């Protein structure tokens, strides 16, 4: 029995798709016939990712910490099927007392406010039956002693289920 490929000819937007998990998602989606658009803060890495993904992959440098840039990016895309948000620097968690608050603020900016902006400005363009995937990384599963990781979970609770799936 053959199974229809759910990503064939679907348009998948991957914010943070130039490296790591995002790049792996882009490569896998493209290999299943999706039309991939990669957004990342570094134009050079976006171009390298487009080459690595191949096919019809496209991409654009976007400063996701700038809501206006995020809004402009999504306004120029038109309709799409799936939004995947993987943007964020690697978290280097230490004991809470030794935490660099500037670094922590930047991480929160990317992992919460940038994700919220992507969902706010991207969701109106998602076709019926589409999806939003937000990643948190390992800290969401195994937070460092003294930390509480709740930002992405809060965002999901705020949005609620979008297509009958929790």
Protein backbone atom coordinates (compact mmCIF):
# COMPACT_ATOMS: atom_id res chain seq x y z
CA UNK A 1 0.00 0.00 0.00
CA UNK A 2 1.49 3.34 -1.01
CA UNK A 3 1.24 6.33 1.26
CA UNK A 4 0.75 9.82 -0.14
CA UNK A 5 3.59 12.20 0.68
CA UNK A 6 2.07 14.89 2.91
CA UNK A 7 4.79 17.44 2.06
CA UNK A 8 4.72 17.07 -1.72
CA UNK A 9 4.26 20.55 -3.22
CA UNK A 10 3.68 22.11 0.21
CA UNK A 11 5.37 25.40 1.01
CA UNK A 12 7.38 25.23 4.24
CA UNK A 13 8.87 28.35 5.87
CA UNK A 14 11.76 27.62 8.24
CA UNK A 15 12.83 30.51 10.44
CA UNK A 16 16.30 29.61 11.70
CA UNK A 17 16.80 27.21 8.82
CA UNK A 18 20.43 27.94 7.95
CA UNK A 19 22.01 25.56 10.47
CA UNK A 20 21.37 22.88 13.07
CA UNK A 21 17.86 21.53 13.50
CA UNK A 22 16.41 24.10 11.10
CA UNK A 23 18.73 23.08 8.27
CA UNK A 24 17.97 19.40 8.92
CA UNK A 25 14.23 20.19 8.74
CA UNK A 26 14.76 22.10 5.48
CA UNK A 27 16.73 19.23 3.93
CA UNK A 28 14.17 16.63 5.01
CA UNK A 29 11.18 18.69 3.85
CA UNK A 30 12.79 19.35 0.46
CA UNK A 31 13.64 15.65 0.06
CA UNK A 32 9.91 14.95 0.50
CA UNK A 33 8.93 17.38 -2.23
CA UNK A 34 8.26 20.54 -0.21
CA UNK A 35 9.06 24.00 -1.50
CA UNK A 36 11.32 25.33 1.25
CA UNK A 37 11.95 28.94 2.23
CA UNK A 38 14.78 29.49 4.71
CA UNK A 39 14.93 32.61 6.87
CA UNK A 40 17.93 33.34 9.06
CA UNK A 41 19.84 36.36 10.33
CA UNK A 42 23.01 35.67 8.33
CA UNK A 43 22.77 36.14 4.55
CA UNK A 44 25.91 34.10 3.85
CA UNK A 45 24.59 31.13 5.87
CA UNK A 46 21.23 31.42 4.11
CA UNK A 47 22.96 31.09 0.72
CA UNK A 48 25.00 28.09 1.92
CA UNK A 49 21.84 26.47 3.26
CA UNK A 50 20.01 27.01 -0.04
CA UNK A 51 22.86 25.23 -1.84
CA UNK A 52 22.87 22.41 0.71
CA UNK A 53 19.10 21.91 0.44
CA UNK A 54 19.09 22.20 -3.35
CA UNK A 55 16.01 21.90 -5.53
CA UNK A 56 13.68 24.86 -5.41
CA UNK A 57 14.87 26.09 -2.02
CA UNK A 58 14.80 29.84 -1.50
CA UNK A 59 15.89 32.01 1.36
CA UNK A 60 16.26 35.43 2.84
CA UNK A 61 18.17 37.09 5.65
CA UNK A 62 15.75 38.40 8.28
CA UNK A 63 16.49 40.00 11.64
CA UNK A 64 13.87 38.14 13.69
CA UNK A 65 14.49 40.43 16.67
CA UNK A 66 12.97 43.27 14.60
CA UNK A 67 9.18 42.86 14.43
CA UNK A 68 8.95 45.16 11.42
CA UNK A 69 11.42 43.00 9.49
CA UNK A 70 9.44 39.88 10.43
CA UNK A 71 6.18 41.49 9.31
CA UNK A 72 7.73 42.57 6.00
CA UNK A 73 9.17 39.10 5.44
CA UNK A 74 5.83 37.34 5.88
CA UNK A 75 3.90 40.00 3.92
CA UNK A 76 6.15 39.26 0.94
CA UNK A 77 5.77 35.49 1.08
CA UNK A 78 2.12 35.01 0.25
CA UNK A 79 0.33 31.83 1.29
CA UNK A 80 2.20 28.83 2.67
CA UNK A 81 1.44 25.56 4.42
CA UNK A 82 3.79 25.14 7.36
CA UNK A 83 5.83 27.44 9.62
CA UNK A 84 8.76 25.99 11.54
CA UNK A 85 10.58 28.22 14.04
CA UNK A 86 14.02 26.97 15.11
CA UNK A 87 15.84 30.29 15.47
CA UNK A 88 17.99 30.85 18.52
CA UNK A 89 21.58 30.72 19.61
CA UNK A 90 22.76 27.74 21.62
CA UNK A 91 21.90 28.23 25.24
CA UNK A 92 24.89 28.06 27.53
CA UNK A 93 23.24 27.54 30.86
CA UNK A 94 25.23 27.92 34.05
CA UNK A 95 24.26 28.17 37.65
CA UNK A 96 21.73 30.95 37.95
CA UNK A 97 24.10 33.05 40.07
CA UNK A 98 26.72 33.02 37.28
CA UNK A 99 24.31 33.85 34.47
CA UNK A 100 25.16 36.74 32.14
CA UNK A 101 21.85 38.62 31.96
CA UNK A 102 22.68 40.30 28.63
CA UNK A 103 23.17 36.87 27.07
CA UNK A 104 20.02 35.56 28.77
CA UNK A 105 17.98 38.54 27.49
CA UNK A 106 19.21 37.92 23.94
CA UNK A 107 18.28 34.24 24.20
CA UNK A 108 14.82 35.16 25.50
CA UNK A 109 14.42 37.75 22.73
CA UNK A 110 15.06 35.09 20.10
CA UNK A 111 13.22 32.20 21.69
CA UNK A 112 10.13 34.07 22.86
CA UNK A 113 9.54 37.49 21.29
CA UNK A 114 10.90 36.51 17.87
CA UNK A 115 8.80 33.32 17.92
CA UNK A 116 5.74 35.36 18.90
CA UNK A 117 6.40 37.82 16.06
CA UNK A 118 6.80 34.96 13.56
CA UNK A 119 3.52 33.40 14.66
CA UNK A 120 1.72 36.77 14.78
CA UNK A 121 2.76 37.77 11.27
CA UNK A 122 3.05 34.32 9.72
CA UNK A 123 -0.18 32.68 10.87
CA UNK A 124 -2.52 34.80 8.70
CA UNK A 125 -0.74 33.38 5.64
CA UNK A 126 -0.99 29.69 6.58
CA UNK A 127 -3.35 27.69 4.41
CA UNK A 128 -6.13 25.62 5.94
CA UNK A 129 -4.69 22.37 7.27
CA UNK A 130 -1.27 23.93 7.80
CA UNK A 131 0.81 23.92 10.95
CA UNK A 132 3.13 25.86 13.23
CA UNK A 133 6.09 24.16 14.90
CA UNK A 134 8.09 25.95 17.59
CA UNK A 135 11.26 24.39 18.98
CA UNK A 136 12.81 24.96 22.38
CA UNK A 137 15.93 22.82 22.32
CA UNK A 138 17.11 20.55 25.11
CA UNK A 139 16.58 23.17 27.84
CA UNK A 140 12.83 22.74 27.42
CA UNK A 141 13.11 19.09 28.34
CA UNK A 142 15.94 19.15 30.86
CA UNK A 143 16.30 22.61 32.35
CA UNK A 144 19.48 23.37 34.25
CA UNK A 145 19.23 23.39 38.03
CA UNK A 146 17.69 26.65 39.19
CA UNK A 147 15.98 27.45 35.85
CA UNK A 148 12.36 27.35 34.80
CA UNK A 149 11.76 27.09 31.06
CA UNK A 150 8.23 28.17 30.20
CA UNK A 151 8.25 30.77 27.40
CA UNK A 152 7.40 28.55 24.46
CA UNK A 153 4.90 26.54 26.49
CA UNK A 154 3.20 29.81 27.44
CA UNK A 155 3.06 30.85 23.79
CA UNK A 156 1.46 27.53 22.84
CA UNK A 157 -1.12 27.90 25.61
CA UNK A 158 -1.83 31.43 24.44
CA UNK A 159 -2.47 30.23 20.87
CA UNK A 160 -4.28 27.01 21.72
CA UNK A 161 -4.65 24.14 19.25
CA UNK A 162 -4.67 25.39 15.66
CA UNK A 163 -5.91 22.38 13.73
CA UNK A 164 -7.45 19.99 16.22
CA UNK A 165 -4.01 18.81 17.34
CA UNK A 166 -2.59 19.74 20.69
